[in-house]
Amino acid sequence: MLIRLDMASDVPIYQQLRNQIVLGIGSGKLKEGDSLPTVRQLAEDTGVNVMTVNKAYALLKNEGFLEIDRRHGAKVSRAPAADGDFCQRLEAELSLLIAEARARNMDRDTFLAVCHRFYDNIISRGGNE
């Protein structure tokens, strides 16, 4: 699994790690039962602090994306349900993006075309590379 981090980004490194793993799961590159590198190995591979990786893994575990066992390490868990909390967060983030798109004079069809393109792009990433 290739993790790309932007050390100059305003997004915290643990959040970038979390996001990269979720992208791997969402695209199908990471499947249920797949093992992830140990905390130490991922920290070494990415050049970040062990505690940063640990924080990302803990977040992913709390969100239901990972199962963590001391003997077997971190594994991708069964896909968590799109529960009420996720749906609320999705609606809030989409509301802001739609408002910004409208404020920039983007019409509905263009906005939806961008959404479709990115959704399809995530799906098509699975197995490529």
Foldseek 3Di string as FASTA:
>chain_A
DDQDDDPPDPDDRLVSVLVVVVLCDLQAQADFFDADDALVVVCVVVVHDSVSPVVSQVVCVVVQQWDADPVRGIGGHDDDDCDPVNVVVVVVVVVVVVVVCVVVVNDPVNVVVVVVVVSVVSNVCHPDD
